[in-house]
PDB file of N, CA and C in Angstrom:
ATOM      1  N   UNK A   1       0.856  -1.198  -0.024  1.00  0.00           N
ATOM      2  CA  UNK A   1      -0.001  -0.004  -0.008  1.00  0.00           C
ATOM      3  C   UNK A   1       0.840   1.253  -0.020  1.00  0.00           C
ATOM      4  N   UNK A   2       0.370   2.268  -0.631  1.00  0.00           N
ATOM      5  CA  UNK A   2       1.021   3.571  -0.653  1.00  0.00           C
ATOM      6  C   UNK A   2       0.768   4.263   0.667  1.00  0.00           C
ATOM      7  N   UNK A   3       1.619   5.259   0.993  1.00  0.00           N
ATOM      8  CA  UNK A   3       1.407   6.045   2.206  1.00  0.00           C
ATOM      9  C   UNK A   3       1.181   7.516   1.844  1.00  0.00           C
ATOM     10  N   UNK A   4       0.525   8.257   2.684  1.00  0.00           N
ATOM     11  CA  UNK A   4       0.204   9.642   2.491  1.00  0.00           C
ATOM     12  C   UNK A   4       0.546  10.410   3.743  1.00  0.00           C
ATOM     13  N   UNK A   5       1.377  11.426   3.614  1.00  0.00           N
ATOM     14  CA  UNK A   5       1.710  12.281   4.775  1.00  0.00           C
ATOM     15  C   UNK A   5       1.806  13.731   4.303  1.00  0.00           C
ATOM     16  N   UNK A   6       1.852  14.654   5.285  1.00  0.00           N
ATOM     17  CA  UNK A   6       1.855  16.064   5.027  1.00  0.00           C
ATOM     18  C   UNK A   6       2.944  16.777   5.817  1.00  0.00           C
ATOM     19  N   UNK A   7       3.339  17.983   5.353  1.00  0.00           N
ATOM     20  CA  UNK A   7       4.171  18.854   6.124  1.00  0.00           C
ATOM     21  C   UNK A   7       3.830  20.277   5.679  1.00  0.00           C
ATOM     22  N   UNK A   8       4.023  21.202   6.623  1.00  0.00           N
ATOM     23  CA  UNK A   8       3.789  22.612   6.303  1.00  0.00           C
ATOM     24  C   UNK A   8       5.088  23.136   5.635  1.00  0.00           C
ATOM     25  N   UNK A   9       4.885  24.020   4.649  1.00  0.00           N
ATOM     26  CA  UNK A   9       5.955  24.556   3.856  1.00  0.00           C
ATOM     27  C   UNK A   9       5.734  26.052   3.632  1.00  0.00           C
ATOM     28  N   UNK A  10       6.737  26.877   3.773  1.00  0.00           N
ATOM     29  CA  UNK A  10       6.679  28.270   3.439  1.00  0.00           C
ATOM     30  C   UNK A  10       7.284  28.406   2.052  1.00  0.00           C
ATOM     31  N   UNK A  11       6.454  28.866   1.176  1.00  0.00           N
ATOM     32  CA  UNK A  11       6.948  28.981  -0.230  1.00  0.00           C
ATOM     33  C   UNK A  11       7.746  30.226  -0.443  1.00  0.00           C
ATOM     34  N   UNK A  12       8.723  30.175  -1.300  1.00  0.00           N
ATOM     35  CA  UNK A  12       9.481  31.337  -1.713  1.00  0.00           C
ATOM     36  C   UNK A  12       8.665  32.150  -2.697  1.00  0.00           C
ATOM     37  N   UNK A  13       8.870  33.490  -2.665  1.00  0.00           N
ATOM     38  CA  UNK A  13       8.138  34.338  -3.619  1.00  0.00           C
ATOM     39  C   UNK A  13       8.581  33.984  -5.046  1.00  0.00           C
ATOM     40  N   UNK A  14       7.593  33.987  -5.915  1.00  0.00           N
ATOM     41  CA  UNK A  14       7.826  33.869  -7.364  1.00  0.00           C
ATOM     42  C   UNK A  14       8.012  35.280  -7.871  1.00  0.00           C
ATOM     43  N   UNK A  15       8.788  35.435  -8.884  1.00  0.00           N
ATOM     44  CA  UNK A  15       9.133  36.746  -9.386  1.00  0.00           C
ATOM     45  C   UNK A  15       7.915  37.706  -9.533  1.00  0.00           C
ATOM     46  N   UNK A  16       6.835  37.197 -10.081  1.00  0.00           N
ATOM     47  CA  UNK A  16       5.649  38.050 -10.343  1.00  0.00           C
ATOM     48  C   UNK A  16       4.883  38.369  -9.011  1.00  0.00           C
ATOM     49  N   UNK A  17       5.049  37.537  -8.018  1.00  0.00           N
ATOM     50  CA  UNK A  17       4.310  37.636  -6.791  1.00  0.00           C
ATOM     51  C   UNK A  17       5.370  37.768  -5.635  1.00  0.00           C
ATOM     52  N   UNK A  18       5.370  38.910  -5.018  1.00  0.00           N
ATOM     53  CA  UNK A  18       6.376  39.211  -4.048  1.00  0.00           C
ATOM     54  C   UNK A  18       5.935  38.935  -2.566  1.00  0.00           C
ATOM     55  N   UNK A  19       5.386  37.775  -2.353  1.00  0.00           N
ATOM     56  CA  UNK A  19       4.920  37.439  -0.992  1.00  0.00           C
ATOM     57  C   UNK A  19       5.220  35.960  -0.752  1.00  0.00           C
ATOM     58  N   UNK A  20       5.324  35.612   0.550  1.00  0.00           N
ATOM     59  CA  UNK A  20       5.560  34.213   0.946  1.00  0.00           C
ATOM     60  C   UNK A  20       4.133  33.653   1.202  1.00  0.00           C
ATOM     61  N   UNK A  21       4.009  32.351   1.068  1.00  0.00           N
ATOM     62  CA  UNK A  21       2.759  31.666   1.378  1.00  0.00           C
ATOM     63  C   UNK A  21       3.032  30.466   2.254  1.00  0.00           C
ATOM     64  N   UNK A  22       2.092  30.136   3.124  1.00  0.00           N
ATOM     65  CA  UNK A  22       2.159  28.942   3.873  1.00  0.00           C
ATOM     66  C   UNK A  22       1.375  27.884   3.100  1.00  0.00           C
ATOM     67  N   UNK A  23       2.016  26.758   2.810  1.00  0.00           N
ATOM     68  CA  UNK A  23       1.383  25.683   2.013  1.00  0.00           C
ATOM     69  C   UNK A  23       1.517  24.350   2.769  1.00  0.00           C
ATOM     70  N   UNK A  24       0.631  23.470   2.355  1.00  0.00           N
ATOM     71  CA  UNK A  24       0.729  22.115   2.869  1.00  0.00           C
ATOM     72  C   UNK A  24       1.387  21.266   1.789  1.00  0.00           C
ATOM     73  N   UNK A  25       2.461  20.642   2.137  1.00  0.00           N
ATOM     74  CA  UNK A  25       3.178  19.813   1.161  1.00  0.00           C
ATOM     75  C   UNK A  25       2.682  18.375   1.360  1.00  0.00           C
ATOM     76  N   UNK A  26       2.349  17.725   0.258  1.00  0.00           N
ATOM     77  CA  UNK A  26       1.813  16.336   0.244  1.00  0.00           C
ATOM     78  C   UNK A  26       2.957  15.392  -0.134  1.00  0.00           C
ATOM     79  N   UNK A  27       3.090  14.320   0.594  1.00  0.00           N
ATOM     80  CA  UNK A  27       4.048  13.266   0.332  1.00  0.00           C
ATOM     81  C   UNK A  27       3.328  12.001   0.096  1.00  0.00           C
ATOM     82  N   UNK A  28       3.704  11.292  -0.964  1.00  0.00           N
ATOM     83  CA  UNK A  28       3.245   9.897  -1.205  1.00  0.00           C
ATOM     84  C   UNK A  28       4.475   8.999  -1.185  1.00  0.00           C
ATOM     85  N   UNK A  29       4.481   8.014  -0.315  1.00  0.00           N
ATOM     86  CA  UNK A  29       5.583   7.152  -0.137  1.00  0.00           C
ATOM     87  C   UNK A  29       6.902   7.901   0.175  1.00  0.00           C
ATOM     88  N   UNK A  30       6.737   8.988   0.937  1.00  0.00           N
ATOM     89  CA  UNK A  30       7.913   9.799   1.333  1.00  0.00           C
ATOM     90  C   UNK A  30       8.424  10.756   0.299  1.00  0.00           C
ATOM     91  N   UNK A  31       7.839  10.788  -0.873  1.00  0.00           N
ATOM     92  CA  UNK A  31       8.288  11.645  -1.964  1.00  0.00           C
ATOM     93  C   UNK A  31       7.299  12.808  -2.137  1.00  0.00           C
ATOM     94  N   UNK A  32       7.812  14.015  -2.283  1.00  0.00           N
ATOM     95  CA  UNK A  32       6.959  15.176  -2.402  1.00  0.00           C
ATOM     96  C   UNK A  32       6.138  15.072  -3.663  1.00  0.00           C
ATOM     97  N   UNK A  33       4.891  15.366  -3.548  1.00  0.00           N
ATOM     98  CA  UNK A  33       3.947  15.299  -4.634  1.00  0.00           C
ATOM     99  C   UNK A  33       3.318  16.699  -4.895  1.00  0.00           C
ATOM    100  N   UNK A  34       4.004  17.734  -4.394  1.00  0.00           N
ATOM    101  CA  UNK A  34       3.481  19.062  -4.539  1.00  0.00           C
ATOM    102  C   UNK A  34       3.610  19.500  -6.033  1.00  0.00           C
ATOM    103  N   UNK A  35       2.628  20.292  -6.437  1.00  0.00           N
ATOM    104  CA  UNK A  35       2.671  20.751  -7.823  1.00  0.00           C
ATOM    105  C   UNK A  35       3.716  21.800  -8.064  1.00  0.00           C
ATOM    106  N   UNK A  36       3.837  22.214  -9.301  1.00  0.00           N
ATOM    107  CA  UNK A  36       4.789  23.247  -9.757  1.00  0.00           C
ATOM    108  C   UNK A  36       4.330  24.555  -9.186  1.00  0.00           C
ATOM    109  N   UNK A  37       5.194  25.582  -9.331  1.00  0.00           N
ATOM    110  CA  UNK A  37       4.837  26.912  -8.834  1.00  0.00           C
ATOM    111  C   UNK A  37       3.490  27.391  -9.328  1.00  0.00           C
ATOM    112  N   UNK A  38       2.818  28.146  -8.474  1.00  0.00           N
ATOM    113  CA  UNK A  38       1.516  28.723  -8.736  1.00  0.00           C
ATOM    114  C   UNK A  38       0.378  27.702  -8.700  1.00  0.00           C
ATOM    115  N   UNK A  39       0.630  26.476  -8.387  1.00  0.00           N
ATOM    116  CA  UNK A  39      -0.414  25.488  -8.186  1.00  0.00           C
ATOM    117  C   UNK A  39      -0.472  25.178  -6.701  1.00  0.00           C
ATOM    118  N   UNK A  40      -1.553  24.587  -6.253  1.00  0.00           N
ATOM    119  CA  UNK A  40      -1.753  24.388  -4.815  1.00  0.00           C
ATOM    120  C   UNK A  40      -2.454  23.051  -4.549  1.00  0.00           C
ATOM    121  N   UNK A  41      -2.327  22.564  -3.349  1.00  0.00           N
ATOM    122  CA  UNK A  41      -3.026  21.462  -2.867  1.00  0.00           C
ATOM    123  C   UNK A  41      -4.376  21.900  -2.335  1.00  0.00           C
ATOM    124  N   UNK A  42      -5.480  21.313  -2.772  1.00  0.00           N
ATOM    125  CA  UNK A  42      -6.812  21.693  -2.292  1.00  0.00           C
ATOM    126  C   UNK A  42      -7.161  20.743  -1.124  1.00  0.00           C
ATOM    127  N   UNK A  43      -6.980  21.187   0.084  1.00  0.00           N
ATOM    128  CA  UNK A  43      -7.216  20.310   1.234  1.00  0.00           C
ATOM    129  C   UNK A  43      -8.660  19.970   1.439  1.00  0.00           C
ATOM    130  N   UNK A  44      -9.603  20.815   0.961  1.00  0.00           N
ATOM    131  CA  UNK A  44     -11.023  20.483   1.082  1.00  0.00           C
ATOM    132  C   UNK A  44     -11.347  19.325   0.122  1.00  0.00           C
ATOM    133  N   UNK A  45     -10.848  19.384  -1.081  1.00  0.00           N
ATOM    134  CA  UNK A  45     -11.054  18.252  -2.006  1.00  0.00           C
ATOM    135  C   UNK A  45     -10.481  16.960  -1.467  1.00  0.00           C
ATOM    136  N   UNK A  46      -9.279  17.097  -0.899  1.00  0.00           N
ATOM    137  CA  UNK A  46      -8.623  15.925  -0.256  1.00  0.00           C
ATOM    138  C   UNK A  46      -9.469  15.381   0.874  1.00  0.00           C
ATOM    139  N   UNK A  47     -10.014  16.242   1.696  1.00  0.00           N
ATOM    140  CA  UNK A  47     -10.864  15.856   2.791  1.00  0.00           C
ATOM    141  C   UNK A  47     -12.066  15.076   2.297  1.00  0.00           C
ATOM    142  N   UNK A  48     -12.721  15.617   1.299  1.00  0.00           N
ATOM    143  CA  UNK A  48     -13.964  14.912   0.784  1.00  0.00           C
ATOM    144  C   UNK A  48     -13.591  13.613   0.047  1.00  0.00           C
ATOM    145  N   UNK A  49     -12.405  13.553  -0.476  1.00  0.00           N
ATOM    146  CA  UNK A  49     -12.001  12.284  -1.137  1.00  0.00           C
ATOM    147  C   UNK A  49     -11.889  11.120  -0.135  1.00  0.00           C
ATOM    148  N   UNK A  50     -11.642  11.453   1.127  1.00  0.00           N
ATOM    149  CA  UNK A  50     -11.605  10.368   2.148  1.00  0.00           C
ATOM    150  C   UNK A  50     -13.013   9.940   2.602  1.00  0.00           C
ATOM    151  N   UNK A  51     -14.018  10.689   2.248  1.00  0.00           N
ATOM    152  CA  UNK A  51     -15.382  10.330   2.706  1.00  0.00           C
ATOM    153  C   UNK A  51     -16.165   9.597   1.690  1.00  0.00           C
ATOM    154  N   UNK A  52     -15.970   9.899   0.352  1.00  0.00           N
ATOM    155  CA  UNK A  52     -16.683   9.214  -0.653  1.00  0.00           C
ATOM    156  C   UNK A  52     -16.004   9.176  -2.009  1.00  0.00           C
ATOM    157  N   UNK A  53     -16.327   8.250  -2.824  1.00  0.00           N
ATOM    158  CA  UNK A  53     -15.776   8.094  -4.116  1.00  0.00           C
ATOM    159  C   UNK A  53     -16.183   9.241  -5.019  1.00  0.00           C
ATOM    160  N   UNK A  54     -15.358   9.533  -6.019  1.00  0.00           N
ATOM    161  CA  UNK A  54     -15.719  10.538  -6.990  1.00  0.00           C
ATOM    162  C   UNK A  54     -14.482  11.083  -7.645  1.00  0.00           C
ATOM    163  N   UNK A  55     -14.646  12.168  -8.409  1.00  0.00           N
ATOM    164  CA  UNK A  55     -13.526  12.850  -9.047  1.00  0.00           C
ATOM    165  C   UNK A  55     -13.216  14.156  -8.276  1.00  0.00           C
ATOM    166  N   UNK A  56     -11.957  14.306  -7.880  1.00  0.00           N
ATOM    167  CA  UNK A  56     -11.578  15.440  -7.033  1.00  0.00           C
ATOM    168  C   UNK A  56     -10.358  16.163  -7.600  1.00  0.00           C
ATOM    169  N   UNK A  57     -10.444  17.441  -7.605  1.00  0.00           N
ATOM    170  CA  UNK A  57      -9.284  18.259  -8.012  1.00  0.00           C
ATOM    171  C   UNK A  57      -8.472  18.503  -6.761  1.00  0.00           C
ATOM    172  N   UNK A  58      -7.681  17.499  -6.429  1.00  0.00           N
ATOM    173  CA  UNK A  58      -6.816  17.572  -5.217  1.00  0.00           C
ATOM    174  C   UNK A  58      -5.711  18.648  -5.442  1.00  0.00           C
ATOM    175  N   UNK A  59      -5.317  18.816  -6.731  1.00  0.00           N
ATOM    176  CA  UNK A  59      -4.408  19.919  -7.081  1.00  0.00           C
ATOM    177  C   UNK A  59      -5.191  20.942  -7.819  1.00  0.00           C
ATOM    178  N   UNK A  60      -4.871  22.215  -7.648  1.00  0.00           N
ATOM    179  CA  UNK A  60      -5.571  23.283  -8.294  1.00  0.00           C
ATOM    180  C   UNK A  60      -4.604  24.473  -8.527  1.00  0.00           C
ATOM    181  N   UNK A  61      -5.063  25.460  -9.203  1.00  0.00           N
ATOM    182  CA  UNK A  61      -4.288  26.676  -9.386  1.00  0.00           C
ATOM    183  C   UNK A  61      -4.278  27.396  -8.037  1.00  0.00           C
ATOM    184  N   UNK A  62      -3.300  28.266  -7.779  1.00  0.00           N
ATOM    185  CA  UNK A  62      -3.272  29.044  -6.574  1.00  0.00           C
ATOM    186  C   UNK A  62      -4.501  29.967  -6.419  1.00  0.00           C
ATOM    187  N   UNK A  63      -5.190  30.266  -7.519  1.00  0.00           N
ATOM    188  CA  UNK A  63      -6.387  31.059  -7.425  1.00  0.00           C
ATOM    189  C   UNK A  63      -7.563  30.250  -7.041  1.00  0.00           C
ATOM    190  N   UNK A  64      -7.478  28.962  -7.094  1.00  0.00           N
ATOM    191  CA  UNK A  64      -8.621  28.062  -6.737  1.00  0.00           C
ATOM    192  C   UNK A  64      -9.340  27.430  -7.945  1.00  0.00           C
ATOM    193  N   UNK A  65      -8.977  27.844  -9.137  1.00  0.00           N
ATOM    194  CA  UNK A  65      -9.634  27.226 -10.353  1.00  0.00           C
ATOM    195  C   UNK A  65      -8.617  26.299 -10.965  1.00  0.00           C
ATOM    196  N   UNK A  66      -8.869  24.981 -10.981  1.00  0.00           N
ATOM    197  CA  UNK A  66      -7.941  24.035 -11.542  1.00  0.00           C
ATOM    198  C   UNK A  66      -7.582  24.291 -12.987  1.00  0.00           C
ATOM    199  N   UNK A  67      -8.576  24.686 -13.825  1.00  0.00           N
ATOM    200  CA  UNK A  67      -8.356  24.963 -15.264  1.00  0.00           C
ATOM    201  C   UNK A  67      -7.383  26.093 -15.463  1.00  0.00           C
ATOM    202  N   UNK A  68      -7.440  27.089 -14.616  1.00  0.00           N
ATOM    203  CA  UNK A  68      -6.499  28.254 -14.717  1.00  0.00           C
ATOM    204  C   UNK A  68      -5.056  27.714 -14.577  1.00  0.00           C
ATOM    205  N   UNK A  69      -4.848  26.702 -13.787  1.00  0.00           N
ATOM    206  CA  UNK A  69      -3.469  26.166 -13.605  1.00  0.00           C
ATOM    207  C   UNK A  69      -3.169  25.052 -14.575  1.00  0.00           C
ATOM    208  N   UNK A  70      -3.975  24.844 -15.599  1.00  0.00           N
ATOM    209  CA  UNK A  70      -3.746  23.830 -16.582  1.00  0.00           C
ATOM    210  C   UNK A  70      -4.031  22.376 -16.090  1.00  0.00           C
ATOM    211  N   UNK A  71      -4.881  22.276 -15.091  1.00  0.00           N
ATOM    212  CA  UNK A  71      -5.263  20.983 -14.500  1.00  0.00           C
ATOM    213  C   UNK A  71      -6.710  20.734 -14.970  1.00  0.00           C
ATOM    214  N   UNK A  72      -6.833  19.747 -15.861  1.00  0.00           N
ATOM    215  CA  UNK A  72      -8.110  19.497 -16.555  1.00  0.00           C
ATOM    216  C   UNK A  72      -8.782  18.239 -16.113  1.00  0.00           C
ATOM    217  N   UNK A  73      -8.064  17.384 -15.366  1.00  0.00           N
ATOM    218  CA  UNK A  73      -8.704  16.137 -14.914  1.00  0.00           C
ATOM    219  C   UNK A  73      -8.470  15.969 -13.436  1.00  0.00           C
ATOM    220  N   UNK A  74      -9.573  15.655 -12.713  1.00  0.00           N
ATOM    221  CA  UNK A  74      -9.427  15.376 -11.320  1.00  0.00           C
ATOM    222  C   UNK A  74      -8.883  14.004 -11.046  1.00  0.00           C
ATOM    223  N   UNK A  75      -8.546  13.777  -9.835  1.00  0.00           N
ATOM    224  CA  UNK A  75      -8.125  12.452  -9.375  1.00  0.00           C
ATOM    225  C   UNK A  75      -9.403  11.606  -9.174  1.00  0.00           C
ATOM    226  N   UNK A  76      -9.479  10.443  -9.836  1.00  0.00           N
ATOM    227  CA  UNK A  76     -10.635   9.578  -9.628  1.00  0.00           C
ATOM    228  C   UNK A  76     -10.383   8.730  -8.400  1.00  0.00           C
ATOM    229  N   UNK A  77     -11.234   8.850  -7.427  1.00  0.00           N
ATOM    230  CA  UNK A  77     -11.058   8.221  -6.157  1.00  0.00           C
ATOM    231  C   UNK A  77     -12.107   7.088  -5.983  1.00  0.00           C
ATOM    232  N   UNK A  78     -11.668   5.930  -5.654  1.00  0.00           N
ATOM    233  CA  UNK A  78     -12.574   4.787  -5.399  1.00  0.00           C
ATOM    234  C   UNK A  78     -12.307   4.317  -3.971  1.00  0.00           C
ATOM    235  N   UNK A  79     -13.408   3.727  -3.360  1.00  0.00           N
ATOM    236  CA  UNK A  79     -13.351   3.242  -2.030  1.00  0.00           C
ATOM    237  C   UNK A  79     -13.814   1.790  -2.026  1.00  0.00           C
ATOM    238  N   UNK A  80     -13.137   0.952  -1.285  1.00  0.00           N
ATOM    239  CA  UNK A  80     -13.698  -0.361  -0.957  1.00  0.00           C
ATOM    240  C   UNK A  80     -13.534  -0.498   0.557  1.00  0.00           C
ATOM    241  N   UNK A  81     -13.768  -1.651   1.083  1.00  0.00           N
ATOM    242  CA  UNK A  81     -13.797  -1.825   2.547  1.00  0.00           C
ATOM    243  C   UNK A  81     -12.349  -1.617   3.196  1.00  0.00           C
ATOM    244  N   UNK A  82     -11.316  -1.809   2.374  1.00  0.00           N
ATOM    245  CA  UNK A  82      -9.979  -1.760   2.915  1.00  0.00           C
ATOM    246  C   UNK A  82      -9.121  -0.692   2.376  1.00  0.00           C
ATOM    247  N   UNK A  83      -9.433  -0.091   1.219  1.00  0.00           N
ATOM    248  CA  UNK A  83      -8.548   0.817   0.572  1.00  0.00           C
ATOM    249  C   UNK A  83      -9.275   1.998  -0.084  1.00  0.00           C
ATOM    250  N   UNK A  84      -8.490   3.082  -0.229  1.00  0.00           N
ATOM    251  CA  UNK A  84      -8.904   4.225  -1.047  1.00  0.00           C
ATOM    252  C   UNK A  84      -7.890   4.269  -2.204  1.00  0.00           C
ATOM    253  N   UNK A  85      -8.393   4.237  -3.441  1.00  0.00           N
ATOM    254  CA  UNK A  85      -7.544   4.145  -4.601  1.00  0.00           C
ATOM    255  C   UNK A  85      -7.675   5.421  -5.431  1.00  0.00           C
ATOM    256  N   UNK A  86      -6.504   5.958  -5.829  1.00  0.00           N
ATOM    257  CA  UNK A  86      -6.538   7.100  -6.753  1.00  0.00           C
ATOM    258  C   UNK A  86      -6.179   6.612  -8.120  1.00  0.00           C
ATOM    259  N   UNK A  87      -6.939   7.036  -9.133  1.00  0.00           N
ATOM    260  CA  UNK A  87      -6.573   6.857 -10.555  1.00  0.00           C
ATOM    261  C   UNK A  87      -6.223   8.228 -11.079  1.00  0.00           C
ATOM    262  N   UNK A  88      -5.025   8.396 -11.452  1.00  0.00           N
ATOM    263  CA  UNK A  88      -4.499   9.722 -11.910  1.00  0.00           C
ATOM    264  C   UNK A  88      -4.062   9.639 -13.337  1.00  0.00           C
ATOM    265  N   UNK A  89      -4.549  10.528 -14.165  1.00  0.00           N
ATOM    266  CA  UNK A  89      -4.151  10.581 -15.588  1.00  0.00           C
ATOM    267  C   UNK A  89      -2.659  10.771 -15.668  1.00  0.00           C
ATOM    268  N   UNK A  90      -2.134  11.773 -14.991  1.00  0.00           N
ATOM    269  CA  UNK A  90      -0.702  12.057 -14.975  1.00  0.00           C
ATOM    270  C   UNK A  90      -0.342  12.670 -13.637  1.00  0.00           C
ATOM    271  N   UNK A  91       0.836  12.393 -13.192  1.00  0.00           N
ATOM    272  CA  UNK A  91       1.370  13.100 -11.993  1.00  0.00           C
ATOM    273  C   UNK A  91       2.647  13.863 -12.493  1.00  0.00           C
ATOM    274  N   UNK A  92       2.379  15.004 -13.124  1.00  0.00           N
ATOM    275  CA  UNK A  92       3.510  15.661 -13.777  1.00  0.00           C
ATOM    276  C   UNK A  92       4.374  16.449 -12.817  1.00  0.00           C
ATOM    277  N   UNK A  93       4.159  16.383 -11.602  1.00  0.00           N
ATOM    278  CA  UNK A  93       4.815  17.248 -10.637  1.00  0.00           C
ATOM    279  C   UNK A  93       6.196  16.716 -10.321  1.00  0.00           C
ATOM    280  N   UNK A  94       6.495  16.292  -9.155  1.00  0.00           N
ATOM    281  CA  UNK A  94       7.812  15.785  -8.792  1.00  0.00           C
ATOM    282  C   UNK A  94       7.702  14.259  -8.569  1.00  0.00           C
ATOM    283  N   UNK A  95       6.832  13.599  -9.250  1.00  0.00           N
ATOM    284  CA  UNK A  95       6.630  12.187  -8.977  1.00  0.00           C
ATOM    285  C   UNK A  95       6.798  11.390 -10.266  1.00  0.00           C
ATOM    286  N   UNK A  96       7.348  10.240 -10.226  1.00  0.00           N
ATOM    287  CA  UNK A  96       7.718   9.535 -11.469  1.00  0.00           C
ATOM    288  C   UNK A  96       6.646   8.540 -11.976  1.00  0.00           C
ATOM    289  N   UNK A  97       5.464   8.522 -11.454  1.00  0.00           N
ATOM    290  CA  UNK A  97       4.552   7.539 -12.005  1.00  0.00           C
ATOM    291  C   UNK A  97       3.109   8.122 -12.071  1.00  0.00           C
ATOM    292  N   UNK A  98       2.383   7.603 -12.943  1.00  0.00           N
ATOM    293  CA  UNK A  98       0.959   7.932 -13.067  1.00  0.00           C
ATOM    294  C   UNK A  98       0.249   6.592 -12.932  1.00  0.00           C
ATOM    295  N   UNK A  99      -1.075   6.646 -12.986  1.00  0.00           N
ATOM    296  CA  UNK A  99      -1.817   5.431 -12.877  1.00  0.00           C
ATOM    297  C   UNK A  99      -2.571   5.347 -11.554  1.00  0.00           C
ATOM    298  N   UNK A 100      -2.261   4.297 -10.775  1.00  0.00           N
ATOM    299  CA  UNK A 100      -3.008   4.031  -9.566  1.00  0.00           C
ATOM    300  C   UNK A 100      -2.103   4.162  -8.333  1.00  0.00           C
ATOM    301  N   UNK A 101      -2.718   4.769  -7.316  1.00  0.00           N
ATOM    302  CA  UNK A 101      -2.105   4.734  -5.981  1.00  0.00           C
ATOM    303  C   UNK A 101      -3.177   4.182  -5.040  1.00  0.00           C
ATOM    304  N   UNK A 102      -2.774   3.292  -4.121  1.00  0.00           N
ATOM    305  CA  UNK A 102      -3.727   2.704  -3.217  1.00  0.00           C
ATOM    306  C   UNK A 102      -3.294   2.879  -1.789  1.00  0.00           C
ATOM    307  N   UNK A 103      -4.192   3.385  -0.971  1.00  0.00           N
ATOM    308  CA  UNK A 103      -3.935   3.721   0.412  1.00  0.00           C
ATOM    309  C   UNK A 103      -4.797   2.909   1.338  1.00  0.00           C
ATOM    310  N   UNK A 104      -4.234   2.504   2.491  1.00  0.00           N
ATOM    311  CA  UNK A 104      -5.025   1.866   3.530  1.00  0.00           C
ATOM    312  C   UNK A 104      -6.140   2.835   3.896  1.00  0.00           C
ATOM    313  N   UNK A 105      -7.394   2.362   3.877  1.00  0.00           N
ATOM    314  CA  UNK A 105      -8.516   3.262   4.096  1.00  0.00           C
ATOM    315  C   UNK A 105      -8.543   3.936   5.455  1.00  0.00           C
ATOM    316  N   UNK A 106      -8.266   3.133   6.548  1.00  0.00           N
ATOM    317  CA  UNK A 106      -8.273   3.704   7.869  1.00  0.00           C
ATOM    318  C   UNK A 106      -7.134   4.726   7.997  1.00  0.00           C
ATOM    319  N   UNK A 107      -5.949   4.460   7.477  1.00  0.00           N
ATOM    320  CA  UNK A 107      -4.828   5.422   7.563  1.00  0.00           C
ATOM    321  C   UNK A 107      -5.144   6.686   6.736  1.00  0.00           C
ATOM    322  N   UNK A 108      -5.670   6.493   5.546  1.00  0.00           N
ATOM    323  CA  UNK A 108      -6.023   7.628   4.677  1.00  0.00           C
ATOM    324  C   UNK A 108      -7.045   8.497   5.330  1.00  0.00           C
ATOM    325  N   UNK A 109      -8.106   7.951   5.901  1.00  0.00           N
ATOM    326  CA  UNK A 109      -9.080   8.798   6.549  1.00  0.00           C
ATOM    327  C   UNK A 109      -8.527   9.504   7.757  1.00  0.00           C
ATOM    328  N   UNK A 110      -7.688   8.756   8.549  1.00  0.00           N
ATOM    329  CA  UNK A 110      -7.075   9.448   9.706  1.00  0.00           C
ATOM    330  C   UNK A 110      -6.174  10.564   9.322  1.00  0.00           C
ATOM    331  N   UNK A 111      -5.395  10.426   8.257  1.00  0.00           N
ATOM    332  CA  UNK A 111      -4.458  11.438   7.794  1.00  0.00           C
ATOM    333  C   UNK A 111      -5.213  12.663   7.300  1.00  0.00           C
ATOM    334  N   UNK A 112      -6.350  12.480   6.669  1.00  0.00           N
ATOM    335  CA  UNK A 112      -7.054  13.640   6.059  1.00  0.00           C
ATOM    336  C   UNK A 112      -8.120  14.210   6.985  1.00  0.00           C
ATOM    337  N   UNK A 113      -8.125  13.929   8.210  1.00  0.00           N
ATOM    338  CA  UNK A 113      -9.114  14.452   9.184  1.00  0.00           C
ATOM    339  C   UNK A 113      -8.966  15.934   9.353  1.00  0.00           C
TER     340      UNK A 113
END
């Protein structure tokens, strides 16, 4: 099973935007899965993904609109009695695989509380 953890991160200002931001960094199997600059983790979508199956924009643009950040497909989330599974079209960020990630359901729900 894959693992999901978080850490708080203070982002460096991007040239066009001269301010720091507090962000939540997402790790899968100990590897950062944060998106590229100007994109963000949507913790509300992540929270709902732990409660029921569906398609979720877990990553979004910093403005809150996924399409603005070039994110056109949500993460398809499935639930069974033991696991929460993500089907991801691509993980173009800092991760080397696309396809499926499978998390222990109890641990996933506890992590996203």
